[in-house]
Amino acid sequence: VQLQASGGGLVQGGDSLRLSCAASGDTFSSYTLVWFRHAPEKEREFVAGIYSRNSRTYYADSVKGRFTCSRDNVKKMLYLQMNSLTPEDTANYYCAASTTVILSSMRRSAAYKYWGQGTQVTVSS
């Protein structure tokens, strides 16, 4: 599968953004799809994702209640609606996919074989 993320930009604190990740290839619905982010001088961090085997959505504590992750299997799209953005959300955001990741490894970047290019989100104070 090939992934392409988009939707990043420069916003002010409190604003909203919606990131999109377009996928190509077959069997899209069988992929666990996730968002990670990588800020300068920080490790890559799991943000949110949808586990294919139970269709449940999981979030990092830092974004719970503010971000909503969703997918459209017909359009082969993954989304991340981000509300109440803060400067701490500034990072390069990546979408990733895997058909083999298990739930206990879902938050580990090494578990994903397929990655989109990043889309930069910058939140000013």
PDB file of N, CA and C in Angstrom:
ATOM      1  N   VAL A   1       0.842  -1.182   0.000  1.00  0.00           N
ATOM      2  CA  VAL A   1       0.000   0.000   0.000  1.00  0.00           C
ATOM      3  C   VAL A   1       0.879   1.234   0.000  1.00  0.00           C
ATOM      4  N   GLN A   2       0.449   2.258  -0.721  1.00  0.00           N
ATOM      5  CA  GLN A   2       1.141   3.545  -0.715  1.00  0.00           C
ATOM      6  C   GLN A   2       0.267   4.558  -0.002  1.00  0.00           C
ATOM      7  N   LEU A   3       0.896   5.403   0.791  1.00  0.00           N
ATOM      8  CA  LEU A   3       0.187   6.365   1.609  1.00  0.00           C
ATOM      9  C   LEU A   3       0.667   7.767   1.299  1.00  0.00           C
ATOM     10  N   GLN A   4      -0.264   8.718   1.291  1.00  0.00           N
ATOM     11  CA  GLN A   4       0.096  10.109   1.069  1.00  0.00           C
ATOM     12  C   GLN A   4      -0.695  10.985   2.027  1.00  0.00           C
ATOM     13  N   ALA A   5       0.012  11.640   2.919  1.00  0.00           N
ATOM     14  CA  ALA A   5      -0.621  12.501   3.911  1.00  0.00           C
ATOM     15  C   ALA A   5      -0.685  13.932   3.406  1.00  0.00           C
ATOM     16  N   SER A   6      -1.708  14.649   3.867  1.00  0.00           N
ATOM     17  CA  SER A   6      -1.870  16.049   3.498  1.00  0.00           C
ATOM     18  C   SER A   6      -2.703  16.750   4.551  1.00  0.00           C
ATOM     19  N   GLY A   7      -2.774  18.074   4.448  1.00  0.00           N
ATOM     20  CA  GLY A   7      -3.645  18.833   5.317  1.00  0.00           C
ATOM     21  C   GLY A   7      -2.958  19.647   6.397  1.00  0.00           C
ATOM     22  N   GLY A   8      -1.646  19.518   6.508  1.00  0.00           N
ATOM     23  CA  GLY A   8      -0.933  20.287   7.504  1.00  0.00           C
ATOM     24  C   GLY A   8      -0.914  21.767   7.183  1.00  0.00           C
ATOM     25  N   GLY A   9      -0.440  22.540   8.139  1.00  0.00           N
ATOM     26  CA  GLY A   9      -0.365  23.973   7.907  1.00  0.00           C
ATOM     27  C   GLY A   9       0.039  24.712   9.160  1.00  0.00           C
ATOM     28  N   LEU A  10      -0.009  26.024   9.061  1.00  0.00           N
ATOM     29  CA  LEU A  10       0.319  26.908  10.178  1.00  0.00           C
ATOM     30  C   LEU A  10      -0.985  27.481  10.729  1.00  0.00           C
ATOM     31  N   VAL A  11      -1.243  27.230  11.999  1.00  0.00           N
ATOM     32  CA  VAL A  11      -2.457  27.716  12.634  1.00  0.00           C
ATOM     33  C   VAL A  11      -2.115  28.339  13.978  1.00  0.00           C
ATOM     34  N   GLN A  12      -3.096  28.984  14.559  1.00  0.00           N
ATOM     35  CA  GLN A  12      -2.918  29.559  15.886  1.00  0.00           C
ATOM     36  C   GLN A  12      -3.448  28.598  16.953  1.00  0.00           C
ATOM     37  N   GLY A  13      -2.982  28.794  18.151  1.00  0.00           N
ATOM     38  CA  GLY A  13      -3.470  27.984  19.255  1.00  0.00           C
ATOM     39  C   GLY A  13      -4.984  28.073  19.368  1.00  0.00           C
ATOM     40  N   GLY A  14      -5.629  26.930  19.574  1.00  0.00           N
ATOM     41  CA  GLY A  14      -7.077  26.877  19.664  1.00  0.00           C
ATOM     42  C   GLY A  14      -7.765  26.558  18.359  1.00  0.00           C
ATOM     43  N   ASP A  15      -7.034  26.659  17.264  1.00  0.00           N
ATOM     44  CA  ASP A  15      -7.607  26.368  15.947  1.00  0.00           C
ATOM     45  C   ASP A  15      -7.730  24.867  15.711  1.00  0.00           C
ATOM     46  N   SER A  16      -8.316  24.546  14.565  1.00  0.00           N
ATOM     47  CA  SER A  16      -8.499  23.143  14.167  1.00  0.00           C
ATOM     48  C   SER A  16      -7.866  22.900  12.806  1.00  0.00           C
ATOM     49  N   LEU A  17      -7.500  21.653  12.582  1.00  0.00           N
ATOM     50  CA  LEU A  17      -7.003  21.196  11.288  1.00  0.00           C
ATOM     51  C   LEU A  17      -7.507  19.775  11.075  1.00  0.00           C
ATOM     52  N   ARG A  18      -7.666  19.403   9.815  1.00  0.00           N
ATOM     53  CA  ARG A  18      -7.974  18.011   9.512  1.00  0.00           C
ATOM     54  C   ARG A  18      -6.904  17.466   8.567  1.00  0.00           C
ATOM     55  N   LEU A  19      -6.224  16.443   9.012  1.00  0.00           N
ATOM     56  CA  LEU A  19      -5.246  15.760   8.181  1.00  0.00           C
ATOM     57  C   LEU A  19      -5.924  14.616   7.439  1.00  0.00           C
ATOM     58  N   SER A  20      -5.442  14.375   6.242  1.00  0.00           N
ATOM     59  CA  SER A  20      -5.938  13.266   5.440  1.00  0.00           C
ATOM     60  C   SER A  20      -4.776  12.390   5.007  1.00  0.00           C
ATOM     61  N   CYS A  21      -5.064  11.124   4.838  1.00  0.00           N
ATOM     62  CA  CYS A  21      -4.060  10.183   4.347  1.00  0.00           C
ATOM     63  C   CYS A  21      -4.743   9.323   3.286  1.00  0.00           C
ATOM     64  N   ALA A  22      -4.312   9.482   2.051  1.00  0.00           N
ATOM     65  CA  ALA A  22      -4.884   8.718   0.943  1.00  0.00           C
ATOM     66  C   ALA A  22      -4.062   7.464   0.704  1.00  0.00           C
ATOM     67  N   ALA A  23      -4.740   6.353   0.526  1.00  0.00           N
ATOM     68  CA  ALA A  23      -4.061   5.077   0.330  1.00  0.00           C
ATOM     69  C   ALA A  23      -4.374   4.509  -1.044  1.00  0.00           C
ATOM     70  N   SER A  24      -3.436   3.796  -1.577  1.00  0.00           N
ATOM     71  CA  SER A  24      -3.658   3.063  -2.819  1.00  0.00           C
ATOM     72  C   SER A  24      -3.363   1.602  -2.561  1.00  0.00           C
ATOM     73  N   GLY A  25      -3.908   0.757  -3.387  1.00  0.00           N
ATOM     74  CA  GLY A  25      -3.680  -0.669  -3.221  1.00  0.00           C
ATOM     75  C   GLY A  25      -4.943  -1.386  -2.789  1.00  0.00           C
ATOM     76  N   ASP A  26      -4.840  -2.691  -2.751  1.00  0.00           N
ATOM     77  CA  ASP A  26      -6.003  -3.522  -2.430  1.00  0.00           C
ATOM     78  C   ASP A  26      -6.094  -3.795  -0.931  1.00  0.00           C
ATOM     79  N   THR A  27      -7.192  -4.381  -0.546  1.00  0.00           N
ATOM     80  CA  THR A  27      -7.447  -4.846   0.828  1.00  0.00           C
ATOM     81  C   THR A  27      -7.220  -3.753   1.859  1.00  0.00           C
ATOM     82  N   PHE A  28      -7.647  -2.553   1.538  1.00  0.00           N
ATOM     83  CA  PHE A  28      -7.454  -1.409   2.441  1.00  0.00           C
ATOM     84  C   PHE A  28      -8.064  -1.681   3.807  1.00  0.00           C
ATOM     85  N   SER A  29      -9.221  -2.292   3.848  1.00  0.00           N
ATOM     86  CA  SER A  29      -9.920  -2.493   5.112  1.00  0.00           C
ATOM     87  C   SER A  29      -9.178  -3.423   6.058  1.00  0.00           C
ATOM     88  N   SER A  30      -8.230  -4.187   5.558  1.00  0.00           N
ATOM     89  CA  SER A  30      -7.490  -5.114   6.406  1.00  0.00           C
ATOM     90  C   SER A  30      -6.310  -4.463   7.113  1.00  0.00           C
ATOM     91  N   TYR A  31      -6.035  -3.219   6.814  1.00  0.00           N
ATOM     92  CA  TYR A  31      -4.893  -2.528   7.407  1.00  0.00           C
ATOM     93  C   TYR A  31      -5.267  -1.821   8.705  1.00  0.00           C
ATOM     94  N   THR A  32      -4.439  -1.973   9.688  1.00  0.00           N
ATOM     95  CA  THR A  32      -4.463  -1.086  10.844  1.00  0.00           C
ATOM     96  C   THR A  32      -3.814   0.218  10.391  1.00  0.00           C
ATOM     97  N   LEU A  33      -4.491   1.329  10.625  1.00  0.00           N
ATOM     98  CA  LEU A  33      -4.027   2.631  10.164  1.00  0.00           C
ATOM     99  C   LEU A  33      -3.818   3.556  11.354  1.00  0.00           C
ATOM    100  N   VAL A  34      -2.717   4.234  11.354  1.00  0.00           N
ATOM    101  CA  VAL A  34      -2.363   5.059  12.512  1.00  0.00           C
ATOM    102  C   VAL A  34      -1.742   6.374  12.078  1.00  0.00           C
ATOM    103  N   TRP A  35      -1.688   7.295  13.019  1.00  0.00           N
ATOM    104  CA  TRP A  35      -0.967   8.552  12.879  1.00  0.00           C
ATOM    105  C   TRP A  35       0.126   8.596  13.945  1.00  0.00           C
ATOM    106  N   PHE A  36       1.306   8.977  13.513  1.00  0.00           N
ATOM    107  CA  PHE A  36       2.403   9.299  14.405  1.00  0.00           C
ATOM    108  C   PHE A  36       2.800  10.748  14.162  1.00  0.00           C
ATOM    109  N   ARG A  37       3.520  11.301  15.112  1.00  0.00           N
ATOM    110  CA  ARG A  37       4.076  12.634  14.902  1.00  0.00           C
ATOM    111  C   ARG A  37       5.505  12.678  15.419  1.00  0.00           C
ATOM    112  N   HIS A  38       6.266  13.575  14.826  1.00  0.00           N
ATOM    113  CA  HIS A  38       7.669  13.693  15.179  1.00  0.00           C
ATOM    114  C   HIS A  38       8.017  15.167  15.269  1.00  0.00           C
ATOM    115  N   ALA A  39       8.315  15.596  16.475  1.00  0.00           N
ATOM    116  CA  ALA A  39       8.711  16.977  16.713  1.00  0.00           C
ATOM    117  C   ALA A  39      10.227  17.035  16.849  1.00  0.00           C
ATOM    118  N   PRO A  40      10.829  18.181  16.539  1.00  0.00           N
ATOM    119  CA  PRO A  40      12.286  18.313  16.658  1.00  0.00           C
ATOM    120  C   PRO A  40      12.770  17.971  18.057  1.00  0.00           C
ATOM    121  N   GLU A  41      13.833  17.207  18.112  1.00  0.00           N
ATOM    122  CA  GLU A  41      14.469  16.816  19.364  1.00  0.00           C
ATOM    123  C   GLU A  41      13.581  15.944  20.242  1.00  0.00           C
ATOM    124  N   LYS A  42      12.559  15.353  19.657  1.00  0.00           N
ATOM    125  CA  LYS A  42      11.709  14.421  20.389  1.00  0.00           C
ATOM    126  C   LYS A  42      11.608  13.113  19.610  1.00  0.00           C
ATOM    127  N   GLU A  43      11.230  12.058  20.291  1.00  0.00           N
ATOM    128  CA  GLU A  43      11.040  10.784  19.618  1.00  0.00           C
ATOM    129  C   GLU A  43       9.705  10.791  18.872  1.00  0.00           C
ATOM    130  N   ARG A  44       9.641   9.941  17.846  1.00  0.00           N
ATOM    131  CA  ARG A  44       8.377   9.788  17.128  1.00  0.00           C
ATOM    132  C   ARG A  44       7.326   9.259  18.098  1.00  0.00           C
ATOM    133  N   GLU A  45       6.145   9.832  18.032  1.00  0.00           N
ATOM    134  CA  GLU A  45       5.111   9.566  19.042  1.00  0.00           C
ATOM    135  C   GLU A  45       3.819   9.095  18.385  1.00  0.00           C
ATOM    136  N   PHE A  46       3.249   8.026  18.917  1.00  0.00           N
ATOM    137  CA  PHE A  46       1.943   7.572  18.469  1.00  0.00           C
ATOM    138  C   PHE A  46       0.903   8.623  18.826  1.00  0.00           C
ATOM    139  N   VAL A  47       0.015   8.925  17.892  1.00  0.00           N
ATOM    140  CA  VAL A  47      -1.035   9.910  18.124  1.00  0.00           C
ATOM    141  C   VAL A  47      -2.401   9.229  18.231  1.00  0.00           C
ATOM    142  N   ALA A  48      -2.753   8.484  17.198  1.00  0.00           N
ATOM    143  CA  ALA A  48      -4.071   7.837  17.160  1.00  0.00           C
ATOM    144  C   ALA A  48      -4.073   6.790  16.057  1.00  0.00           C
ATOM    145  N   GLY A  49      -5.011   5.865  16.155  1.00  0.00           N
ATOM    146  CA  GLY A  49      -5.103   4.863  15.107  1.00  0.00           C
ATOM    147  C   GLY A  49      -6.317   3.977  15.268  1.00  0.00           C
ATOM    148  N   ILE A  50      -6.617   3.242  14.210  1.00  0.00           N
ATOM    149  CA  ILE A  50      -7.751   2.326  14.177  1.00  0.00           C
ATOM    150  C   ILE A  50      -7.211   0.922  13.927  1.00  0.00           C
ATOM    151  N   TYR A  51      -7.463   0.037  14.887  1.00  0.00           N
ATOM    152  CA  TYR A  51      -6.978  -1.330  14.795  1.00  0.00           C
ATOM    153  C   TYR A  51      -7.931  -2.136  13.939  1.00  0.00           C
ATOM    154  N   SER A  52      -7.418  -2.758  12.910  1.00  0.00           N
ATOM    155  CA  SER A  52      -8.293  -3.391  11.918  1.00  0.00           C
ATOM    156  C   SER A  52      -9.077  -4.560  12.492  1.00  0.00           C
ATOM    157  N   ARG A  53      -8.533  -5.281  13.444  1.00  0.00           N
ATOM    158  CA  ARG A  53      -9.155  -6.527  13.898  1.00  0.00           C
ATOM    159  C   ARG A  53     -10.350  -6.299  14.809  1.00  0.00           C
ATOM    160  N   ASN A  54     -10.449  -5.131  15.431  1.00  0.00           N
ATOM    161  CA  ASN A  54     -11.624  -4.851  16.255  1.00  0.00           C
ATOM    162  C   ASN A  54     -12.306  -3.531  15.889  1.00  0.00           C
ATOM    163  N   SER A  55     -11.727  -2.826  14.922  1.00  0.00           N
ATOM    164  CA  SER A  55     -12.270  -1.551  14.437  1.00  0.00           C
ATOM    165  C   SER A  55     -12.363  -0.479  15.521  1.00  0.00           C
ATOM    166  N   ARG A  56     -11.604  -0.650  16.591  1.00  0.00           N
ATOM    167  CA  ARG A  56     -11.622   0.354  17.638  1.00  0.00           C
ATOM    168  C   ARG A  56     -10.538   1.392  17.387  1.00  0.00           C
ATOM    169  N   THR A  57     -10.781   2.584  17.903  1.00  0.00           N
ATOM    170  CA  THR A  57      -9.851   3.696  17.746  1.00  0.00           C
ATOM    171  C   THR A  57      -9.129   3.941  19.060  1.00  0.00           C
ATOM    172  N   TYR A  58      -7.848   4.164  18.950  1.00  0.00           N
ATOM    173  CA  TYR A  58      -7.004   4.359  20.133  1.00  0.00           C
ATOM    174  C   TYR A  58      -6.288   5.702  20.016  1.00  0.00           C
ATOM    175  N   TYR A  59      -6.098   6.354  21.167  1.00  0.00           N
ATOM    176  CA  TYR A  59      -5.497   7.675  21.177  1.00  0.00           C
ATOM    177  C   TYR A  59      -4.393   7.761  22.218  1.00  0.00           C
ATOM    178  N   ALA A  60      -3.432   8.620  21.940  1.00  0.00           N
ATOM    179  CA  ALA A  60      -2.473   8.994  22.961  1.00  0.00           C
ATOM    180  C   ALA A  60      -3.195   9.853  23.987  1.00  0.00           C
ATOM    181  N   ASP A  61      -2.770   9.753  25.228  1.00  0.00           N
ATOM    182  CA  ASP A  61      -3.410  10.535  26.291  1.00  0.00           C
ATOM    183  C   ASP A  61      -3.334  12.033  25.997  1.00  0.00           C
ATOM    184  N   SER A  62      -2.274  12.451  25.343  1.00  0.00           N
ATOM    185  CA  SER A  62      -2.055  13.878  25.096  1.00  0.00           C
ATOM    186  C   SER A  62      -3.058  14.472  24.103  1.00  0.00           C
ATOM    187  N   VAL A  63      -3.739  13.629  23.340  1.00  0.00           N
ATOM    188  CA  VAL A  63      -4.673  14.150  22.333  1.00  0.00           C
ATOM    189  C   VAL A  63      -6.108  13.702  22.578  1.00  0.00           C
ATOM    190  N   LYS A  64      -6.298  12.821  23.546  1.00  0.00           N
ATOM    191  CA  LYS A  64      -7.633  12.291  23.805  1.00  0.00           C
ATOM    192  C   LYS A  64      -8.594  13.420  24.142  1.00  0.00           C
ATOM    193  N   GLY A  65      -9.752  13.412  23.504  1.00  0.00           N
ATOM    194  CA  GLY A  65     -10.745  14.454  23.723  1.00  0.00           C
ATOM    195  C   GLY A  65     -10.601  15.641  22.792  1.00  0.00           C
ATOM    196  N   ARG A  66      -9.458  15.740  22.109  1.00  0.00           N
ATOM    197  CA  ARG A  66      -9.235  16.850  21.181  1.00  0.00           C
ATOM    198  C   ARG A  66      -9.140  16.371  19.728  1.00  0.00           C
ATOM    199  N   PHE A  67      -8.579  15.196  19.535  1.00  0.00           N
ATOM    200  CA  PHE A  67      -8.382  14.651  18.193  1.00  0.00           C
ATOM    201  C   PHE A  67      -9.356  13.512  17.955  1.00  0.00           C
ATOM    202  N   THR A  68      -9.773  13.385  16.693  1.00  0.00           N
ATOM    203  CA  THR A  68     -10.631  12.274  16.291  1.00  0.00           C
ATOM    204  C   THR A  68     -10.057  11.632  15.038  1.00  0.00           C
ATOM    205  N   CYS A  69      -9.820  10.340  15.139  1.00  0.00           N
ATOM    206  CA  CYS A  69      -9.277   9.566  14.027  1.00  0.00           C
ATOM    207  C   CYS A  69     -10.413   8.769  13.389  1.00  0.00           C
ATOM    208  N   SER A  70     -10.481   8.789  12.073  1.00  0.00           N
ATOM    209  CA  SER A  70     -11.529   8.036  11.382  1.00  0.00           C
ATOM    210  C   SER A  70     -11.001   7.526  10.049  1.00  0.00           C
ATOM    211  N   ARG A  71     -11.724   6.599   9.480  1.00  0.00           N
ATOM    212  CA  ARG A  71     -11.325   6.055   8.196  1.00  0.00           C
ATOM    213  C   ARG A  71     -12.553   5.855   7.312  1.00  0.00           C
ATOM    214  N   ASP A  72     -12.323   5.906   6.014  1.00  0.00           N
ATOM    215  CA  ASP A  72     -13.370   5.634   5.034  1.00  0.00           C
ATOM    216  C   ASP A  72     -12.827   4.535   4.124  1.00  0.00           C
ATOM    217  N   ASN A  73     -13.305   3.330   4.319  1.00  0.00           N
ATOM    218  CA  ASN A  73     -12.769   2.196   3.559  1.00  0.00           C
ATOM    219  C   ASN A  73     -13.147   2.239   2.093  1.00  0.00           C
ATOM    220  N   VAL A  74     -14.240   2.921   1.762  1.00  0.00           N
ATOM    221  CA  VAL A  74     -14.647   3.024   0.357  1.00  0.00           C
ATOM    222  C   VAL A  74     -13.705   3.981  -0.377  1.00  0.00           C
ATOM    223  N   LYS A  75     -13.432   5.107   0.248  1.00  0.00           N
ATOM    224  CA  LYS A  75     -12.547   6.105  -0.363  1.00  0.00           C
ATOM    225  C   LYS A  75     -11.080   5.794  -0.120  1.00  0.00           C
ATOM    226  N   LYS A  76     -10.801   4.806   0.735  1.00  0.00           N
ATOM    227  CA  LYS A  76      -9.420   4.461   1.097  1.00  0.00           C
ATOM    228  C   LYS A  76      -8.711   5.665   1.706  1.00  0.00           C
ATOM    229  N   MET A  77      -9.359   6.239   2.704  1.00  0.00           N
ATOM    230  CA  MET A  77      -8.827   7.430   3.346  1.00  0.00           C
ATOM    231  C   MET A  77      -8.765   7.241   4.862  1.00  0.00           C
ATOM    232  N   LEU A  78      -7.765   7.847   5.464  1.00  0.00           N
ATOM    233  CA  LEU A  78      -7.625   7.957   6.913  1.00  0.00           C
ATOM    234  C   LEU A  78      -7.614   9.441   7.249  1.00  0.00           C
ATOM    235  N   TYR A  79      -8.300   9.801   8.330  1.00  0.00           N
ATOM    236  CA  TYR A  79      -8.397  11.209   8.700  1.00  0.00           C
ATOM    237  C   TYR A  79      -7.961  11.401  10.156  1.00  0.00           C
ATOM    238  N   LEU A  80      -7.528  12.622  10.438  1.00  0.00           N
ATOM    239  CA  LEU A  80      -7.256  13.023  11.815  1.00  0.00           C
ATOM    240  C   LEU A  80      -7.791  14.437  11.985  1.00  0.00           C
ATOM    241  N   GLN A  81      -8.922  14.538  12.662  1.00  0.00           N
ATOM    242  CA  GLN A  81      -9.490  15.843  12.990  1.00  0.00           C
ATOM    243  C   GLN A  81      -8.852  16.321  14.278  1.00  0.00           C
ATOM    244  N   MET A  82      -8.209  17.474  14.215  1.00  0.00           N
ATOM    245  CA  MET A  82      -7.477  17.992  15.367  1.00  0.00           C
ATOM    246  C   MET A  82      -8.112  19.308  15.799  1.00  0.00           C
ATOM    247  N   ASN A  83      -8.625  19.323  17.010  1.00  0.00           N
ATOM    248  CA  ASN A  83      -9.252  20.524  17.568  1.00  0.00           C
ATOM    249  C   ASN A  83      -8.445  21.031  18.750  1.00  0.00           C
ATOM    250  N   SER A  84      -8.702  22.264  19.115  1.00  0.00           N
ATOM    251  CA  SER A  84      -8.049  22.873  20.279  1.00  0.00           C
ATOM    252  C   SER A  84      -6.547  22.670  20.247  1.00  0.00           C
ATOM    253  N   LEU A  85      -5.962  22.967  19.115  1.00  0.00           N
ATOM    254  CA  LEU A  85      -4.523  22.754  18.936  1.00  0.00           C
ATOM    255  C   LEU A  85      -3.707  23.666  19.845  1.00  0.00           C
ATOM    256  N   THR A  86      -2.599  23.149  20.308  1.00  0.00           N
ATOM    257  CA  THR A  86      -1.676  23.901  21.138  1.00  0.00           C
ATOM    258  C   THR A  86      -0.278  23.844  20.494  1.00  0.00           C
ATOM    259  N   PRO A  87       0.618  24.738  20.903  1.00  0.00           N
ATOM    260  CA  PRO A  87       1.984  24.684  20.357  1.00  0.00           C
ATOM    261  C   PRO A  87       2.660  23.328  20.568  1.00  0.00           C
ATOM    262  N   GLU A  88       2.254  22.602  21.599  1.00  0.00           N
ATOM    263  CA  GLU A  88       2.832  21.288  21.860  1.00  0.00           C
ATOM    264  C   GLU A  88       2.435  20.261  20.788  1.00  0.00           C
ATOM    265  N   ASP A  89       1.461  20.582  19.966  1.00  0.00           N
ATOM    266  CA  ASP A  89       1.061  19.688  18.879  1.00  0.00           C
ATOM    267  C   ASP A  89       1.890  19.919  17.617  1.00  0.00           C
ATOM    268  N   THR A  90       2.767  20.899  17.646  1.00  0.00           N
ATOM    269  CA  THR A  90       3.620  21.180  16.496  1.00  0.00           C
ATOM    270  C   THR A  90       4.533  20.001  16.215  1.00  0.00           C
ATOM    271  N   ALA A  91       4.456  19.485  15.006  1.00  0.00           N
ATOM    272  CA  ALA A  91       5.251  18.307  14.622  1.00  0.00           C
ATOM    273  C   ALA A  91       4.990  17.996  13.161  1.00  0.00           C
ATOM    274  N   ASN A  92       5.791  17.072  12.661  1.00  0.00           N
ATOM    275  CA  ASN A  92       5.529  16.482  11.352  1.00  0.00           C
ATOM    276  C   ASN A  92       4.670  15.240  11.596  1.00  0.00           C
ATOM    277  N   TYR A  93       3.524  15.187  10.947  1.00  0.00           N
ATOM    278  CA  TYR A  93       2.578  14.097  11.175  1.00  0.00           C
ATOM    279  C   TYR A  93       2.660  13.095  10.031  1.00  0.00           C
ATOM    280  N   TYR A  94       2.709  11.812  10.402  1.00  0.00           N
ATOM    281  CA  TYR A  94       2.831  10.731   9.432  1.00  0.00           C
ATOM    282  C   TYR A  94       1.684   9.739   9.602  1.00  0.00           C
ATOM    283  N   CYS A  95       1.191   9.222   8.487  1.00  0.00           N
ATOM    284  CA  CYS A  95       0.286   8.094   8.561  1.00  0.00           C
ATOM    285  C   CYS A  95       1.069   6.814   8.261  1.00  0.00           C
ATOM    286  N   ALA A  96       0.617   5.730   8.843  1.00  0.00           N
ATOM    287  CA  ALA A  96       1.297   4.454   8.664  1.00  0.00           C
ATOM    288  C   ALA A  96       0.272   3.329   8.650  1.00  0.00           C
ATOM    289  N   ALA A  97       0.664   2.197   8.070  1.00  0.00           N
ATOM    290  CA  ALA A  97      -0.262   1.087   7.919  1.00  0.00           C
ATOM    291  C   ALA A  97       0.450  -0.240   8.115  1.00  0.00           C
ATOM    292  N   SER A  98      -0.324  -1.194   8.590  1.00  0.00           N
ATOM    293  CA  SER A  98       0.202  -2.544   8.751  1.00  0.00           C
ATOM    294  C   SER A  98      -0.945  -3.537   8.768  1.00  0.00           C
ATOM    295  N   THR A  99      -0.694  -4.709   8.204  1.00  0.00           N
ATOM    296  CA  THR A  99      -1.677  -5.787   8.299  1.00  0.00           C
ATOM    297  C   THR A  99      -1.298  -6.788   9.378  1.00  0.00           C
ATOM    298  N   THR A 100      -0.092  -6.661   9.922  1.00  0.00           N
ATOM    299  CA  THR A 100       0.401  -7.676  10.855  1.00  0.00           C
ATOM    300  C   THR A 100       0.586  -7.189  12.287  1.00  0.00           C
ATOM    301  N   VAL A 101       0.431  -5.904  12.519  1.00  0.00           N
ATOM    302  CA  VAL A 101       0.666  -5.378  13.863  1.00  0.00           C
ATOM    303  C   VAL A 101      -0.350  -5.969  14.834  1.00  0.00           C
ATOM    304  N   ILE A 102       0.129  -6.321  16.031  1.00  0.00           N
ATOM    305  CA  ILE A 102      -0.783  -6.793  17.069  1.00  0.00           C
ATOM    306  C   ILE A 102      -1.116  -5.630  17.997  1.00  0.00           C
ATOM    307  N   LEU A 103      -2.196  -5.769  18.729  1.00  0.00           N
ATOM    308  CA  LEU A 103      -2.698  -4.646  19.512  1.00  0.00           C
ATOM    309  C   LEU A 103      -1.664  -4.120  20.505  1.00  0.00           C
ATOM    310  N   SER A 104      -0.940  -5.004  21.122  1.00  0.00           N
ATOM    311  CA  SER A 104       0.032  -4.576  22.134  1.00  0.00           C
ATOM    312  C   SER A 104       1.204  -3.799  21.522  1.00  0.00           C
ATOM    313  N   SER A 105       1.391  -3.886  20.218  1.00  0.00           N
ATOM    314  CA  SER A 105       2.474  -3.167  19.537  1.00  0.00           C
ATOM    315  C   SER A 105       1.977  -1.993  18.715  1.00  0.00           C
ATOM    316  N   MET A 106       0.737  -1.703  18.805  1.00  0.00           N
ATOM    317  CA  MET A 106       0.120  -0.706  17.924  1.00  0.00           C
ATOM    318  C   MET A 106       0.763   0.670  18.070  1.00  0.00           C
ATOM    319  N   ARG A 107       1.267   0.978  19.258  1.00  0.00           N
ATOM    320  CA  ARG A 107       1.836   2.314  19.495  1.00  0.00           C
ATOM    321  C   ARG A 107       3.326   2.401  19.206  1.00  0.00           C
ATOM    322  N   ARG A 108       3.886   1.330  18.657  1.00  0.00           N
ATOM    323  CA  ARG A 108       5.310   1.298  18.350  1.00  0.00           C
ATOM    324  C   ARG A 108       5.521   1.564  16.867  1.00  0.00           C
ATOM    325  N   SER A 109       6.343   2.554  16.530  1.00  0.00           N
ATOM    326  CA  SER A 109       6.551   2.888  15.122  1.00  0.00           C
ATOM    327  C   SER A 109       7.224   1.750  14.359  1.00  0.00           C
ATOM    328  N   ALA A 110       8.032   0.962  15.047  1.00  0.00           N
ATOM    329  CA  ALA A 110       8.735  -0.130  14.375  1.00  0.00           C
ATOM    330  C   ALA A 110       7.791  -1.217  13.873  1.00  0.00           C
ATOM    331  N   ALA A 111       6.550  -1.205  14.329  1.00  0.00           N
ATOM    332  CA  ALA A 111       5.580  -2.232  13.921  1.00  0.00           C
ATOM    333  C   ALA A 111       4.990  -1.979  12.545  1.00  0.00           C
ATOM    334  N   TYR A 112       5.294  -0.828  11.952  1.00  0.00           N
ATOM    335  CA  TYR A 112       4.649  -0.447  10.693  1.00  0.00           C
ATOM    336  C   TYR A 112       5.623  -0.502   9.528  1.00  0.00           C
ATOM    337  N   LYS A 113       5.171  -1.157   8.491  1.00  0.00           N
ATOM    338  CA  LYS A 113       5.989  -1.305   7.289  1.00  0.00           C
ATOM    339  C   LYS A 113       5.751  -0.178   6.302  1.00  0.00           C
ATOM    340  N   TYR A 114       4.540   0.333   6.261  1.00  0.00           N
ATOM    341  CA  TYR A 114       4.172   1.315   5.240  1.00  0.00           C
ATOM    342  C   TYR A 114       3.966   2.685   5.879  1.00  0.00           C
ATOM    343  N   TRP A 115       4.601   3.677   5.274  1.00  0.00           N
ATOM    344  CA  TRP A 115       4.554   5.035   5.799  1.00  0.00           C
ATOM    345  C   TRP A 115       4.276   6.022   4.678  1.00  0.00           C
ATOM    346  N   GLY A 116       3.496   7.055   5.010  1.00  0.00           N
ATOM    347  CA  GLY A 116       3.362   8.173   4.104  1.00  0.00           C
ATOM    348  C   GLY A 116       4.435   9.201   4.397  1.00  0.00           C
ATOM    349  N   GLN A 117       4.560  10.168   3.515  1.00  0.00           N
ATOM    350  CA  GLN A 117       5.472  11.270   3.805  1.00  0.00           C
ATOM    351  C   GLN A 117       4.813  12.145   4.862  1.00  0.00           C
ATOM    352  N   GLY A 118       5.537  12.893   5.582  1.00  0.00           N
ATOM    353  CA  GLY A 118       4.981  13.705   6.642  1.00  0.00           C
ATOM    354  C   GLY A 118       4.265  14.936   6.129  1.00  0.00           C
ATOM    355  N   THR A 119       3.371  15.440   6.951  1.00  0.00           N
ATOM    356  CA  THR A 119       2.742  16.733   6.691  1.00  0.00           C
ATOM    357  C   THR A 119       2.942  17.580   7.942  1.00  0.00           C
ATOM    358  N   GLN A 120       3.488  18.758   7.752  1.00  0.00           N
ATOM    359  CA  GLN A 120       3.904  19.586   8.887  1.00  0.00           C
ATOM    360  C   GLN A 120       2.719  20.348   9.473  1.00  0.00           C
ATOM    361  N   VAL A 121       2.606  20.263  10.775  1.00  0.00           N
ATOM    362  CA  VAL A 121       1.620  21.044  11.522  1.00  0.00           C
ATOM    363  C   VAL A 121       2.386  21.957  12.460  1.00  0.00           C
ATOM    364  N   THR A 122       2.135  23.243  12.341  1.00  0.00           N
ATOM    365  CA  THR A 122       2.782  24.227  13.199  1.00  0.00           C
ATOM    366  C   THR A 122       1.702  25.065  13.873  1.00  0.00           C
ATOM    367  N   VAL A 123       1.745  25.085  15.204  1.00  0.00           N
ATOM    368  CA  VAL A 123       0.747  25.817  15.977  1.00  0.00           C
ATOM    369  C   VAL A 123       1.450  26.940  16.713  1.00  0.00           C
ATOM    370  N   SER A 124       1.048  28.149  16.436  1.00  0.00           N
ATOM    371  CA  SER A 124       1.652  29.307  17.094  1.00  0.00           C
ATOM    372  C   SER A 124       0.852  29.661  18.338  1.00  0.00           C
ATOM    373  N   SER A 125       1.552  30.253  19.286  1.00  0.00           N
ATOM    374  CA  SER A 125       0.883  30.614  20.548  1.00  0.00           C
ATOM    375  C   SER A 125       0.254  31.986  20.461  1.00  0.00           C
TER     376      SER A 125
END
